[in-house]
């Protein structure tokens, strides 16, 4: 596949506003059968081993709207390598090729790479209550920044696309109504940082992740460089 044909990539979280790769086209898109959910414990990007955060995954059931990027064939292999380094830190995602509908091109359908949550992985949080989600988000801080900014950025970019995610909006209210100002607001950034310093001291319990788990689930990377 890679190197001979264009690669389509479906984005539903941070890839929407920070893809990190060159795209020949970008479209508003819809994926049926999977939903956006704060269902993954984050120990790297938005949390740590000591104090996990919570990030989005595509979980079974429902519909998810986001963006889909078309990567030119000559950049496909490099882009796939980059995405794996970024998304598959703990091998919590299962790579899959899924049918995605383009909302901005007469509802044409393309086959896109999507990162689906692996429910058997120890980092899968399942269906946490909004209060539990808020507890993890308030104190999460990782290499990519704090968890509150991640939530605010997701909702801000969904709003730009005209997408309503009422459960995420309710979560934002629980975390702090200040977050509704948007991730670029100076007051929001300062308040989020202060909140993380306070709630980061409060334990957030998640299942233990062993070093072997990353290797145990690595076979889920079904797209290889020689495809």
N, C-alpha and C. Protein backbone atom coordinates (compact mmCIF):
# COMPACT_ATOMS: atom_id res chain seq x y z
N UNK A 1 0.82 -1.21 0.00
CA UNK A 1 0.00 0.00 0.00
C UNK A 1 0.85 1.25 0.00
N UNK A 2 1.67 1.41 1.05
CA UNK A 2 2.47 2.64 1.17
C UNK A 2 3.53 2.68 0.10
N UNK A 3 3.76 3.87 -0.44
CA UNK A 3 4.78 4.03 -1.46
C UNK A 3 4.25 3.90 -2.87
N UNK A 4 3.10 3.27 -3.05
CA UNK A 4 2.53 3.09 -4.38
C UNK A 4 1.18 3.77 -4.54
N UNK A 5 0.47 4.00 -3.43
CA UNK A 5 -0.83 4.65 -3.47
C UNK A 5 -0.92 5.72 -2.39
N UNK A 6 -1.82 6.66 -2.59
CA UNK A 6 -2.04 7.69 -1.59
C UNK A 6 -2.52 7.05 -0.29
N UNK A 7 -2.21 7.70 0.81
CA UNK A 7 -2.64 7.24 2.13
C UNK A 7 -3.63 8.24 2.70
N UNK A 8 -4.81 7.77 3.05
CA UNK A 8 -5.80 8.61 3.73
C UNK A 8 -5.72 8.33 5.22
N UNK A 9 -5.76 9.38 6.04
CA UNK A 9 -5.65 9.25 7.50
C UNK A 9 -6.82 9.95 8.15
N UNK A 10 -7.58 9.23 8.99
CA UNK A 10 -8.71 9.82 9.70
C UNK A 10 -8.26 10.39 11.03
N UNK A 11 -8.63 11.64 11.31
CA UNK A 11 -8.22 12.33 12.54
C UNK A 11 -9.44 12.71 13.35
N UNK A 12 -9.41 12.44 14.65
CA UNK A 12 -10.54 12.72 15.52
C UNK A 12 -10.13 13.43 16.81
N UNK A 13 -8.82 13.53 17.06
CA UNK A 13 -8.31 14.19 18.26
C UNK A 13 -7.23 15.19 17.89
N UNK A 14 -6.08 15.05 18.49
CA UNK A 14 -5.01 16.03 18.28
C UNK A 14 -4.49 16.06 16.85
N UNK A 15 -4.68 14.99 16.10
CA UNK A 15 -4.25 15.01 14.70
C UNK A 15 -5.03 16.04 13.89
N UNK A 16 -6.21 16.43 14.37
CA UNK A 16 -7.00 17.43 13.65
C UNK A 16 -6.29 18.77 13.60
N UNK A 17 -5.72 19.19 14.72
CA UNK A 17 -5.11 20.52 14.78
C UNK A 17 -3.58 20.48 14.76
N UNK A 18 -3.01 19.30 14.92
CA UNK A 18 -1.55 19.19 14.89
C UNK A 18 -1.17 17.88 14.20
N UNK A 19 -1.43 17.78 12.89
CA UNK A 19 -1.16 16.52 12.20
C UNK A 19 0.32 16.15 12.18
N UNK A 20 1.19 17.13 11.90
CA UNK A 20 2.61 16.85 11.90
C UNK A 20 3.13 16.22 10.62
N UNK A 21 2.31 16.17 9.59
CA UNK A 21 2.74 15.64 8.30
C UNK A 21 2.09 16.45 7.19
N UNK A 22 2.63 16.35 5.99
CA UNK A 22 2.13 17.12 4.86
C UNK A 22 0.94 16.41 4.22
N UNK A 23 -0.15 17.13 4.05
CA UNK A 23 -1.35 16.56 3.44
C UNK A 23 -1.66 17.27 2.13
N UNK A 24 -1.98 16.49 1.10
CA UNK A 24 -2.35 17.06 -0.19
C UNK A 24 -3.78 17.59 -0.17
N UNK A 25 -4.64 16.97 0.65
CA UNK A 25 -6.03 17.40 0.79
C UNK A 25 -6.47 17.18 2.23
N UNK A 26 -7.44 18.00 2.66
CA UNK A 26 -8.06 17.83 3.98
C UNK A 26 -9.57 17.99 3.82
N UNK A 27 -10.34 17.07 4.41
CA UNK A 27 -11.79 17.11 4.28
C UNK A 27 -12.47 16.84 5.62
N UNK A 28 -13.60 17.47 5.83
CA UNK A 28 -14.51 17.10 6.91
C UNK A 28 -15.04 15.71 6.56
N UNK A 29 -14.99 14.78 7.53
CA UNK A 29 -15.33 13.40 7.22
C UNK A 29 -16.10 12.74 8.36
N UNK A 30 -16.75 11.63 8.02
CA UNK A 30 -17.56 10.89 9.01
C UNK A 30 -17.21 9.41 8.96
N UNK A 31 -17.05 8.85 10.16
CA UNK A 31 -16.79 7.42 10.30
C UNK A 31 -17.95 6.80 11.07
N UNK A 32 -18.58 5.80 10.51
CA UNK A 32 -19.74 5.14 11.13
C UNK A 32 -19.28 3.85 11.82
N UNK A 33 -19.83 3.60 13.01
CA UNK A 33 -19.51 2.39 13.76
C UNK A 33 -18.51 2.59 14.88
N UNK A 34 -17.96 3.81 14.96
CA UNK A 34 -16.97 4.13 15.99
C UNK A 34 -17.25 5.52 16.51
N UNK A 35 -16.96 5.74 17.80
CA UNK A 35 -17.23 7.03 18.42
C UNK A 35 -15.98 7.55 19.12
N UNK A 36 -15.90 8.88 19.22
CA UNK A 36 -14.81 9.55 19.93
C UNK A 36 -15.09 9.44 21.43
N UNK A 37 -14.11 8.98 22.19
CA UNK A 37 -14.34 8.76 23.62
C UNK A 37 -13.05 8.94 24.42
N UNK A 38 -13.16 9.58 25.59
CA UNK A 38 -12.01 9.66 26.51
C UNK A 38 -11.91 8.31 27.23
N UNK A 39 -11.26 7.38 26.58
CA UNK A 39 -11.25 6.00 27.08
C UNK A 39 -9.85 5.41 27.18
N UNK A 40 -8.80 6.25 27.10
CA UNK A 40 -7.44 5.73 27.14
C UNK A 40 -6.63 6.46 28.22
N UNK A 41 -6.06 5.69 29.13
CA UNK A 41 -5.17 6.28 30.12
C UNK A 41 -3.88 6.71 29.42
N UNK A 42 -3.48 7.96 29.66
CA UNK A 42 -2.28 8.49 29.02
C UNK A 42 -1.15 8.59 30.02
N UNK A 43 -0.06 7.90 29.73
CA UNK A 43 1.13 7.94 30.59
C UNK A 43 2.31 8.58 29.89
N UNK A 44 2.05 9.14 28.71
CA UNK A 44 3.15 9.73 27.92
C UNK A 44 2.78 11.13 27.44
N UNK A 45 1.82 11.26 26.52
CA UNK A 45 1.52 12.55 25.90
C UNK A 45 0.82 13.53 26.85
N UNK A 46 -0.18 13.07 27.61
CA UNK A 46 -0.96 13.97 28.47
C UNK A 46 -1.01 13.51 29.91
N UNK A 47 -0.08 12.68 30.29
CA UNK A 47 0.01 12.18 31.66
C UNK A 47 1.36 11.54 31.87
N UNK A 48 1.53 10.89 33.00
CA UNK A 48 2.80 10.24 33.31
C UNK A 48 2.52 8.92 34.01
N UNK A 49 3.55 8.13 34.21
CA UNK A 49 3.37 6.88 34.95
C UNK A 49 2.90 7.16 36.37
N UNK A 50 3.42 8.22 36.96
CA UNK A 50 3.03 8.55 38.33
C UNK A 50 1.61 9.07 38.41
N UNK A 51 1.22 9.88 37.41
CA UNK A 51 -0.10 10.51 37.45
C UNK A 51 -0.69 10.49 36.03
N UNK A 52 -1.40 9.40 35.67
CA UNK A 52 -1.95 9.28 34.31
C UNK A 52 -2.99 10.35 34.00
N UNK A 53 -3.06 10.70 32.73
CA UNK A 53 -4.13 11.54 32.22
C UNK A 53 -5.09 10.69 31.42
N UNK A 54 -5.85 11.33 30.54
CA UNK A 54 -6.86 10.61 29.77
C UNK A 54 -6.92 11.22 28.37
N UNK A 55 -6.85 10.38 27.35
CA UNK A 55 -6.91 10.88 25.97
C UNK A 55 -7.98 10.14 25.19
N UNK A 56 -8.24 10.65 23.99
CA UNK A 56 -9.30 10.12 23.16
C UNK A 56 -8.89 8.87 22.40
N UNK A 57 -9.88 8.03 22.19
CA UNK A 57 -9.72 6.87 21.33
C UNK A 57 -10.99 6.68 20.53
N UNK A 58 -10.94 5.88 19.50
CA UNK A 58 -12.13 5.50 18.76
C UNK A 58 -12.62 4.18 19.33
N UNK A 59 -13.77 4.22 20.00
CA UNK A 59 -14.35 3.03 20.62
C UNK A 59 -15.56 2.57 19.81
N UNK A 60 -15.92 1.33 19.96
CA UNK A 60 -16.99 0.74 19.15
C UNK A 60 -18.34 1.37 19.42
N UNK A 61 -19.10 1.56 18.35
CA UNK A 61 -20.47 2.04 18.46
C UNK A 61 -20.62 3.52 18.20
N UNK A 62 -21.64 3.90 17.45
CA UNK A 62 -21.91 5.31 17.22
C UNK A 62 -21.30 5.84 15.94
N UNK A 63 -21.14 7.15 15.88
CA UNK A 63 -20.62 7.84 14.70
C UNK A 63 -19.60 8.88 15.16
N UNK A 64 -18.56 9.08 14.37
CA UNK A 64 -17.55 10.08 14.70
C UNK A 64 -17.28 10.96 13.49
N UNK A 65 -17.34 12.27 13.69
CA UNK A 65 -16.98 13.21 12.64
C UNK A 65 -15.64 13.87 13.00
N UNK A 66 -14.82 14.05 11.99
CA UNK A 66 -13.53 14.68 12.19
C UNK A 66 -12.96 15.13 10.87
N UNK A 67 -11.67 14.95 10.68
CA UNK A 67 -11.01 15.31 9.43
C UNK A 67 -10.35 14.07 8.84
N UNK A 68 -10.24 14.07 7.52
CA UNK A 68 -9.46 13.02 6.85
C UNK A 68 -8.45 13.72 5.94
N UNK A 69 -7.22 13.25 6.01
CA UNK A 69 -6.12 13.83 5.23
C UNK A 69 -5.72 12.85 4.13
N UNK A 70 -5.46 13.41 2.95
CA UNK A 70 -4.88 12.58 1.88
C UNK A 70 -3.39 12.89 1.79
N UNK A 71 -2.59 11.85 1.98
CA UNK A 71 -1.14 11.98 1.89
C UNK A 71 -0.69 11.39 0.56
N UNK A 72 0.07 12.16 -0.21
CA UNK A 72 0.54 11.70 -1.51
C UNK A 72 1.38 10.42 -1.35
N UNK A 73 1.33 9.57 -2.37
CA UNK A 73 1.98 8.26 -2.31
C UNK A 73 3.45 8.36 -1.95
N UNK A 74 4.14 9.36 -2.48
CA UNK A 74 5.58 9.47 -2.22
C UNK A 74 5.89 9.82 -0.77
N UNK A 75 4.89 10.30 -0.03
CA UNK A 75 5.08 10.64 1.39
C UNK A 75 4.43 9.64 2.33
N UNK A 76 3.78 8.62 1.78
CA UNK A 76 2.98 7.71 2.60
C UNK A 76 3.82 6.92 3.60
N UNK A 77 4.93 6.36 3.16
CA UNK A 77 5.75 5.53 4.05
C UNK A 77 6.31 6.36 5.21
N UNK A 78 6.82 7.54 4.89
CA UNK A 78 7.37 8.42 5.93
C UNK A 78 6.28 8.85 6.91
N UNK A 79 5.09 9.14 6.39
CA UNK A 79 3.98 9.57 7.25
C UNK A 79 3.55 8.44 8.17
N UNK A 80 3.47 7.23 7.65
CA UNK A 80 3.09 6.09 8.48
C UNK A 80 4.10 5.86 9.58
N UNK A 81 5.37 6.01 9.26
CA UNK A 81 6.41 5.86 10.29
C UNK A 81 6.25 6.91 11.38
N UNK A 82 5.99 8.14 10.97
CA UNK A 82 5.79 9.22 11.94
C UNK A 82 4.57 8.96 12.82
N UNK A 83 3.48 8.53 12.22
CA UNK A 83 2.26 8.29 12.98
C UNK A 83 2.45 7.19 14.01
N UNK A 84 3.19 6.16 13.65
CA UNK A 84 3.44 5.08 14.61
C UNK A 84 4.29 5.55 15.78
N UNK A 85 5.30 6.36 15.49
CA UNK A 85 6.13 6.87 16.57
C UNK A 85 5.32 7.74 17.52
N UNK A 86 4.35 8.46 16.98
CA UNK A 86 3.54 9.38 17.78
C UNK A 86 2.38 8.68 18.48
N UNK A 87 1.65 7.86 17.75
CA UNK A 87 0.41 7.28 18.28
C UNK A 87 0.62 5.95 19.00
N UNK A 88 1.63 5.19 18.60
CA UNK A 88 1.76 3.84 19.12
C UNK A 88 2.85 3.72 20.19
N UNK A 89 2.96 4.74 21.01
CA UNK A 89 3.96 4.72 22.10
C UNK A 89 3.75 3.51 23.00
N UNK A 90 2.50 3.21 23.32
CA UNK A 90 2.21 2.07 24.19
C UNK A 90 1.46 0.97 23.49
N UNK A 91 1.33 1.06 22.17
CA UNK A 91 0.61 0.06 21.36
C UNK A 91 -0.84 -0.12 21.82
N UNK A 92 -1.48 0.97 22.24
CA UNK A 92 -2.85 0.88 22.71
C UNK A 92 -3.85 0.93 21.56
N UNK A 93 -3.38 1.33 20.38
CA UNK A 93 -4.28 1.43 19.24
C UNK A 93 -4.10 0.26 18.28
N UNK A 94 -5.21 -0.11 17.66
CA UNK A 94 -5.19 -1.10 16.59
C UNK A 94 -5.34 -0.37 15.27
N UNK A 95 -4.38 -0.53 14.39
CA UNK A 95 -4.45 0.12 13.10
C UNK A 95 -5.46 -0.60 12.21
N UNK A 96 -6.29 0.17 11.53
CA UNK A 96 -7.30 -0.44 10.67
C UNK A 96 -7.59 0.47 9.48
N UNK A 97 -7.97 -0.15 8.37
CA UNK A 97 -8.42 0.59 7.21
C UNK A 97 -9.94 0.57 7.23
N UNK A 98 -10.54 1.75 7.30
CA UNK A 98 -11.98 1.86 7.49
C UNK A 98 -12.60 2.74 6.40
N UNK A 99 -13.88 2.52 6.06
CA UNK A 99 -14.56 3.38 5.08
C UNK A 99 -14.97 4.70 5.72
N UNK A 100 -14.56 5.80 5.14
CA UNK A 100 -14.84 7.13 5.66
C UNK A 100 -15.56 7.94 4.59
N UNK A 101 -16.61 8.66 4.99
CA UNK A 101 -17.38 9.48 4.06
C UNK A 101 -16.91 10.92 4.09
N UNK A 102 -16.62 11.47 2.92
CA UNK A 102 -16.20 12.86 2.81
C UNK A 102 -17.43 13.75 2.79
N UNK A 103 -17.56 14.63 3.79
CA UNK A 103 -18.74 15.49 3.88
C UNK A 103 -18.65 16.67 2.92
N UNK A 104 -17.46 16.95 2.41
CA UNK A 104 -17.25 18.13 1.57
C UNK A 104 -17.03 17.79 0.10
N UNK A 105 -17.27 16.55 -0.28
CA UNK A 105 -17.08 16.16 -1.68
C UNK A 105 -18.19 15.20 -2.10
N UNK A 106 -19.42 15.69 -2.08
CA UNK A 106 -20.58 14.90 -2.52
C UNK A 106 -20.67 13.54 -1.84
N UNK A 107 -20.23 13.47 -0.60
CA UNK A 107 -20.31 12.26 0.22
C UNK A 107 -19.61 11.06 -0.44
N UNK A 108 -18.50 11.34 -1.09
CA UNK A 108 -17.69 10.25 -1.64
C UNK A 108 -17.08 9.45 -0.49
N UNK A 109 -16.77 8.19 -0.73
CA UNK A 109 -16.21 7.33 0.30
C UNK A 109 -14.77 6.96 -0.03
N UNK A 110 -13.91 7.03 0.98
CA UNK A 110 -12.52 6.63 0.82
C UNK A 110 -12.17 5.64 1.92
N UNK A 111 -11.12 4.89 1.72
CA UNK A 111 -10.63 3.97 2.74
C UNK A 111 -9.46 4.64 3.45
N UNK A 112 -9.59 4.83 4.75
CA UNK A 112 -8.60 5.60 5.50
C UNK A 112 -8.02 4.79 6.66
N UNK A 113 -6.80 5.13 7.01
CA UNK A 113 -6.17 4.57 8.20
C UNK A 113 -6.76 5.23 9.43
N UNK A 114 -7.18 4.41 10.39
CA UNK A 114 -7.71 4.93 11.66
C UNK A 114 -7.06 4.16 12.80
N UNK A 115 -6.87 4.86 13.92
CA UNK A 115 -6.31 4.23 15.11
C UNK A 115 -7.46 3.94 16.08
N UNK A 116 -7.85 2.67 16.15
CA UNK A 116 -8.96 2.22 16.99
C UNK A 116 -8.42 1.73 18.32
N UNK A 117 -9.16 1.97 19.39
CA UNK A 117 -8.67 1.56 20.70
C UNK A 117 -8.69 0.04 20.82
N UNK A 118 -7.65 -0.51 21.43
CA UNK A 118 -7.56 -1.94 21.71
C UNK A 118 -8.12 -2.18 23.10
N UNK A 119 -9.30 -2.74 23.16
CA UNK A 119 -9.99 -2.90 24.45
C UNK A 119 -9.28 -3.86 25.40
N UNK A 120 -8.48 -4.77 24.89
CA UNK A 120 -7.78 -5.71 25.76
C UNK A 120 -6.54 -5.11 26.41
N UNK A 121 -6.15 -3.93 25.96
CA UNK A 121 -4.93 -3.28 26.47
C UNK A 121 -5.17 -2.73 27.88
N UNK A 122 -4.18 -2.82 28.77
CA UNK A 122 -4.33 -2.28 30.13
C UNK A 122 -4.61 -0.78 30.17
N UNK A 123 -4.25 -0.06 29.11
CA UNK A 123 -4.50 1.39 29.08
C UNK A 123 -5.91 1.75 28.64
N UNK A 124 -6.72 0.76 28.28
CA UNK A 124 -8.11 1.03 27.93
C UNK A 124 -8.89 1.31 29.21
N UNK A 125 -9.49 2.49 29.30
CA UNK A 125 -10.18 2.90 30.52
C UNK A 125 -11.64 2.48 30.55
N UNK A 126 -12.20 2.12 29.39
CA UNK A 126 -13.61 1.75 29.34
C UNK A 126 -14.52 2.97 29.47
N UNK A 127 -15.72 2.74 29.94
CA UNK A 127 -16.71 3.80 30.05
C UNK A 127 -16.68 4.45 31.44
N UNK A 128 -15.77 5.37 31.64
CA UNK A 128 -15.70 6.09 32.90
C UNK A 128 -16.82 7.11 32.99
N UNK A 129 -17.27 7.40 34.20
CA UNK A 129 -18.26 8.46 34.38
C UNK A 129 -17.60 9.80 34.05
N UNK A 130 -18.42 10.81 33.80
CA UNK A 130 -17.86 12.14 33.50
C UNK A 130 -17.05 12.67 34.68
N UNK A 131 -17.49 12.38 35.90
CA UNK A 131 -16.74 12.82 37.08
C UNK A 131 -15.36 12.16 37.13
N UNK A 132 -15.30 10.88 36.79
CA UNK A 132 -14.01 10.18 36.78
C UNK A 132 -13.12 10.72 35.67
N UNK A 133 -13.70 10.98 34.51
CA UNK A 133 -12.93 11.55 33.41
C UNK A 133 -12.35 12.90 33.82
N UNK A 134 -13.18 13.73 34.43
CA UNK A 134 -12.74 15.07 34.84
C UNK A 134 -11.57 14.98 35.83
N UNK A 135 -11.60 14.00 36.73
CA UNK A 135 -10.54 13.84 37.71
C UNK A 135 -9.20 13.57 37.02
N UNK A 136 -9.19 12.69 36.02
CA UNK A 136 -7.95 12.40 35.30
C UNK A 136 -7.49 13.61 34.49
N UNK A 137 -8.44 14.28 33.82
CA UNK A 137 -8.09 15.40 32.94
C UNK A 137 -7.52 16.57 33.72
N UNK A 138 -8.07 16.88 34.89
CA UNK A 138 -7.63 18.05 35.66
C UNK A 138 -6.16 18.00 36.05
N UNK A 139 -5.64 16.79 36.28
CA UNK A 139 -4.27 16.69 36.79
C UNK A 139 -3.27 16.09 35.83
N UNK A 140 -3.69 15.84 34.59
CA UNK A 140 -2.80 15.18 33.64
C UNK A 140 -1.81 16.14 32.99
N UNK A 141 -0.54 15.75 32.95
CA UNK A 141 0.51 16.54 32.31
C UNK A 141 1.54 15.59 31.73
N UNK A 142 1.79 15.70 30.41
CA UNK A 142 2.74 14.81 29.76
C UNK A 142 3.65 15.57 28.81
N UNK A 143 4.32 14.84 27.95
CA UNK A 143 5.30 15.44 27.05
C UNK A 143 4.67 16.35 26.00
N UNK A 144 3.40 16.15 25.71
CA UNK A 144 2.72 16.99 24.72
C UNK A 144 1.93 18.12 25.35
N UNK A 145 1.99 18.24 26.68
CA UNK A 145 1.28 19.31 27.35
C UNK A 145 0.29 18.79 28.37
N UNK A 146 -0.56 19.70 28.91
CA UNK A 146 -1.50 19.25 29.93
C UNK A 146 -2.81 18.78 29.32
N UNK A 147 -3.52 17.99 30.08
CA UNK A 147 -4.73 17.33 29.63
C UNK A 147 -5.89 18.30 29.41
N UNK A 148 -5.92 19.40 30.18
CA UNK A 148 -6.98 20.39 30.04
C UNK A 148 -6.89 21.07 28.68
N UNK A 149 -5.69 21.44 28.26
CA UNK A 149 -5.50 22.05 26.94
C UNK A 149 -5.91 21.09 25.83
N UNK A 150 -5.64 19.81 26.03
CA UNK A 150 -6.01 18.79 25.04
C UNK A 150 -7.53 18.76 24.85
N UNK A 151 -8.25 18.77 25.95
CA UNK A 151 -9.72 18.79 25.89
C UNK A 151 -10.22 20.07 25.23
N UNK A 152 -9.68 21.20 25.65
CA UNK A 152 -10.12 22.49 25.11
C UNK A 152 -9.82 22.61 23.62
N UNK A 153 -8.66 22.13 23.20
CA UNK A 153 -8.28 22.19 21.79
C UNK A 153 -9.19 21.30 20.95
N UNK A 154 -9.51 20.14 21.47
CA UNK A 154 -10.40 19.23 20.74
C UNK A 154 -11.75 19.89 20.50
N UNK A 155 -12.34 20.45 21.54
CA UNK A 155 -13.65 21.08 21.40
C UNK A 155 -13.59 22.32 20.52
N UNK A 156 -12.52 23.09 20.60
CA UNK A 156 -12.39 24.28 19.78
C UNK A 156 -12.36 23.93 18.29
N UNK A 157 -11.65 22.88 17.94
CA UNK A 157 -11.55 22.51 16.54
C UNK A 157 -12.81 21.81 16.06
N UNK A 158 -13.48 21.09 16.94
CA UNK A 158 -14.78 20.52 16.56
C UNK A 158 -15.77 21.64 16.29
N UNK A 159 -15.73 22.69 17.10
CA UNK A 159 -16.61 23.83 16.91
C UNK A 159 -16.36 24.49 15.56
N UNK A 160 -15.11 24.60 15.17
CA UNK A 160 -14.77 25.18 13.86
C UNK A 160 -15.36 24.37 12.72
N UNK A 161 -15.48 23.06 12.92
CA UNK A 161 -16.05 22.19 11.90
C UNK A 161 -17.57 22.13 11.97
N UNK A 162 -18.15 22.78 12.98
CA UNK A 162 -19.60 22.72 13.16
C UNK A 162 -20.07 21.43 13.79
N UNK A 163 -19.20 20.77 14.55
CA UNK A 163 -19.52 19.48 15.17
C UNK A 163 -19.81 19.69 16.66
N UNK A 164 -20.95 19.21 17.13
CA UNK A 164 -21.30 19.27 18.55
C UNK A 164 -21.00 17.93 19.21
N UNK A 165 -20.25 17.96 20.28
CA UNK A 165 -19.99 16.77 21.09
C UNK A 165 -20.47 17.09 22.50
N UNK A 166 -21.73 16.81 22.75
CA UNK A 166 -22.34 17.26 24.00
C UNK A 166 -21.71 16.63 25.23
N UNK A 167 -21.29 15.39 25.13
CA UNK A 167 -20.66 14.76 26.30
C UNK A 167 -19.33 15.42 26.60
N UNK A 168 -18.56 15.76 25.57
CA UNK A 168 -17.29 16.45 25.80
C UNK A 168 -17.53 17.86 26.33
N UNK A 169 -18.61 18.49 25.90
CA UNK A 169 -18.95 19.81 26.42
C UNK A 169 -19.30 19.73 27.91
N UNK A 170 -20.03 18.69 28.29
CA UNK A 170 -20.35 18.50 29.72
C UNK A 170 -19.09 18.22 30.52
N UNK A 171 -18.18 17.46 29.92
CA UNK A 171 -16.90 17.18 30.60
C UNK A 171 -16.13 18.48 30.79
N UNK A 172 -16.12 19.32 29.78
CA UNK A 172 -15.44 20.61 29.87
C UNK A 172 -16.00 21.45 31.01
N UNK A 173 -17.31 21.43 31.19
CA UNK A 173 -17.94 22.17 32.27
C UNK A 173 -17.51 21.64 33.63
N UNK A 174 -17.41 20.32 33.74
CA UNK A 174 -16.97 19.71 35.00
C UNK A 174 -15.51 20.05 35.30
N UNK A 175 -14.69 20.02 34.27
CA UNK A 175 -13.27 20.33 34.46
C UNK A 175 -13.11 21.77 34.91
N UNK A 176 -13.89 22.68 34.29
CA UNK A 176 -13.84 24.10 34.64
C UNK A 176 -14.38 24.92 33.49
N UNK A 177 -15.38 25.74 33.75
CA UNK A 177 -15.99 26.52 32.67
C UNK A 177 -14.99 27.47 32.01
N UNK A 178 -13.90 27.79 32.71
CA UNK A 178 -12.87 28.66 32.13
C UNK A 178 -12.31 28.06 30.85
N UNK A 179 -12.33 26.73 30.74
CA UNK A 179 -11.75 26.06 29.58
C UNK A 179 -12.53 26.38 28.30
N UNK A 180 -13.77 26.81 28.44
CA UNK A 180 -14.57 27.15 27.28
C UNK A 180 -14.05 28.39 26.56
N UNK A 181 -13.17 29.15 27.21
CA UNK A 181 -12.60 30.33 26.55
C UNK A 181 -11.75 29.95 25.34
N UNK A 182 -11.24 28.73 25.35
CA UNK A 182 -10.43 28.28 24.23
C UNK A 182 -8.99 28.09 24.62
N UNK A 183 -8.27 27.16 23.96
CA UNK A 183 -6.89 26.83 24.33
C UNK A 183 -5.90 27.97 24.11
N UNK A 184 -6.24 28.92 23.22
CA UNK A 184 -5.31 30.00 22.95
C UNK A 184 -5.45 31.18 23.89
N UNK A 185 -6.45 31.16 24.77
CA UNK A 185 -6.68 32.26 25.69
C UNK A 185 -5.64 32.24 26.81
N UNK A 186 -5.01 33.38 27.07
CA UNK A 186 -3.94 33.44 28.07
C UNK A 186 -4.44 33.07 29.46
N UNK A 187 -5.65 33.55 29.80
CA UNK A 187 -6.22 33.23 31.11
C UNK A 187 -6.47 31.73 31.23
N UNK A 188 -6.95 31.12 30.15
CA UNK A 188 -7.21 29.68 30.17
C UNK A 188 -5.92 28.91 30.40
N UNK A 189 -4.86 29.28 29.70
CA UNK A 189 -3.59 28.57 29.85
C UNK A 189 -3.05 28.68 31.27
N UNK A 190 -3.14 29.88 31.84
CA UNK A 190 -2.64 30.09 33.20
C UNK A 190 -3.47 29.31 34.22
N UNK A 191 -4.80 29.34 34.03
CA UNK A 191 -5.68 28.63 34.96
C UNK A 191 -5.49 27.12 34.85
N UNK A 192 -5.34 26.64 33.61
CA UNK A 192 -5.12 25.21 33.42
C UNK A 192 -3.83 24.76 34.07
N UNK A 193 -2.78 25.54 33.90
CA UNK A 193 -1.49 25.19 34.51
C UNK A 193 -1.58 25.15 36.03
N UNK A 194 -2.30 26.12 36.60
CA UNK A 194 -2.47 26.16 38.06
C UNK A 194 -3.28 24.97 38.55
N UNK A 195 -4.32 24.62 37.79
CA UNK A 195 -5.15 23.49 38.18
C UNK A 195 -4.37 22.18 38.13
N UNK A 196 -3.54 22.03 37.12
CA UNK A 196 -2.73 20.82 36.99
C UNK A 196 -1.76 20.69 38.17
N UNK A 197 -1.19 21.81 38.59
CA UNK A 197 -0.27 21.76 39.74
C UNK A 197 -0.98 21.28 40.99
N UNK A 198 -2.23 21.67 41.15
CA UNK A 198 -2.99 21.25 42.35
C UNK A 198 -3.47 19.81 42.23
N UNK A 199 -4.18 19.51 41.13
CA UNK A 199 -4.77 18.18 41.00
C UNK A 199 -3.73 17.12 40.63
N UNK A 200 -2.58 17.56 40.12
CA UNK A 200 -1.54 16.60 39.82
C UNK A 200 -0.99 15.92 41.05
N UNK A 201 -1.22 16.52 42.23
CA UNK A 201 -0.77 15.92 43.48
C UNK A 201 -1.76 14.88 44.00
N UNK A 202 -2.98 14.89 43.45
CA UNK A 202 -4.02 13.95 43.88
C UNK A 202 -3.90 12.68 43.05
N UNK A 203 -3.75 11.53 43.67
CA UNK A 203 -3.58 10.29 42.91
C UNK A 203 -4.73 10.01 41.96
N UNK A 204 -4.41 9.45 40.81
CA UNK A 204 -5.39 8.97 39.85
C UNK A 204 -5.01 7.53 39.53
N UNK A 205 -5.82 6.61 39.95
CA UNK A 205 -5.47 5.19 39.87
C UNK A 205 -5.86 4.61 38.52
N UNK A 206 -4.91 3.97 37.86
CA UNK A 206 -5.14 3.29 36.60
C UNK A 206 -4.46 1.93 36.66
N UNK A 207 -4.92 0.96 35.87
CA UNK A 207 -4.27 -0.36 35.87
C UNK A 207 -2.79 -0.25 35.56
N UNK A 208 -2.03 -1.11 36.15
CA UNK A 208 -0.58 -1.09 35.94
C UNK A 208 -0.24 -1.48 34.51
N UNK A 209 0.72 -0.78 33.93
CA UNK A 209 1.17 -1.07 32.58
C UNK A 209 2.59 -1.61 32.64
N UNK A 210 2.76 -2.84 32.19
CA UNK A 210 4.08 -3.47 32.18
C UNK A 210 4.80 -3.18 30.88
N UNK A 211 6.12 -3.21 30.93
CA UNK A 211 6.92 -2.94 29.73
C UNK A 211 6.60 -3.93 28.62
N UNK A 212 6.25 -5.13 28.98
CA UNK A 212 5.97 -6.16 27.98
C UNK A 212 4.67 -5.91 27.22
N UNK A 213 3.79 -5.09 27.80
CA UNK A 213 2.50 -4.83 27.13
C UNK A 213 2.68 -4.14 25.79
N UNK A 214 3.65 -3.25 25.69
CA UNK A 214 3.90 -2.55 24.44
C UNK A 214 4.24 -3.53 23.33
N UNK A 215 5.06 -4.53 23.65
CA UNK A 215 5.44 -5.54 22.66
C UNK A 215 4.31 -6.54 22.42
N UNK A 216 3.55 -6.81 23.46
CA UNK A 216 2.48 -7.81 23.35
C UNK A 216 1.40 -7.39 22.36
N UNK A 217 1.16 -6.07 22.27
CA UNK A 217 0.11 -5.58 21.38
C UNK A 217 0.65 -4.97 20.09
N UNK A 218 1.95 -5.06 19.87
CA UNK A 218 2.54 -4.44 18.68
C UNK A 218 2.08 -5.09 17.39
N UNK A 219 1.59 -6.33 17.45
CA UNK A 219 1.14 -7.01 16.23
C UNK A 219 -0.08 -6.33 15.62
N UNK A 220 -0.72 -5.42 16.37
CA UNK A 220 -1.86 -4.71 15.85
C UNK A 220 -1.48 -3.70 14.77
N UNK A 221 -0.19 -3.50 14.55
CA UNK A 221 0.26 -2.60 13.49
C UNK A 221 0.21 -3.39 12.18
N UNK A 222 -0.94 -3.38 11.52
CA UNK A 222 -1.18 -4.25 10.37
C UNK A 222 -0.61 -3.69 9.08
N UNK A 223 -0.34 -2.39 9.04
CA UNK A 223 0.19 -1.78 7.83
C UNK A 223 1.71 -1.73 7.94
N UNK A 224 2.40 -2.38 7.06
CA UNK A 224 3.85 -2.43 7.15
C UNK A 224 4.50 -1.63 6.04
N UNK A 225 5.77 -1.35 6.22
CA UNK A 225 6.49 -0.52 5.26
C UNK A 225 6.60 -1.19 3.90
N UNK A 226 6.45 -2.50 3.84
CA UNK A 226 6.58 -3.19 2.55
C UNK A 226 5.23 -3.44 1.88
N UNK A 227 4.11 -2.95 2.50
CA UNK A 227 2.79 -3.16 1.90
C UNK A 227 2.70 -2.46 0.54
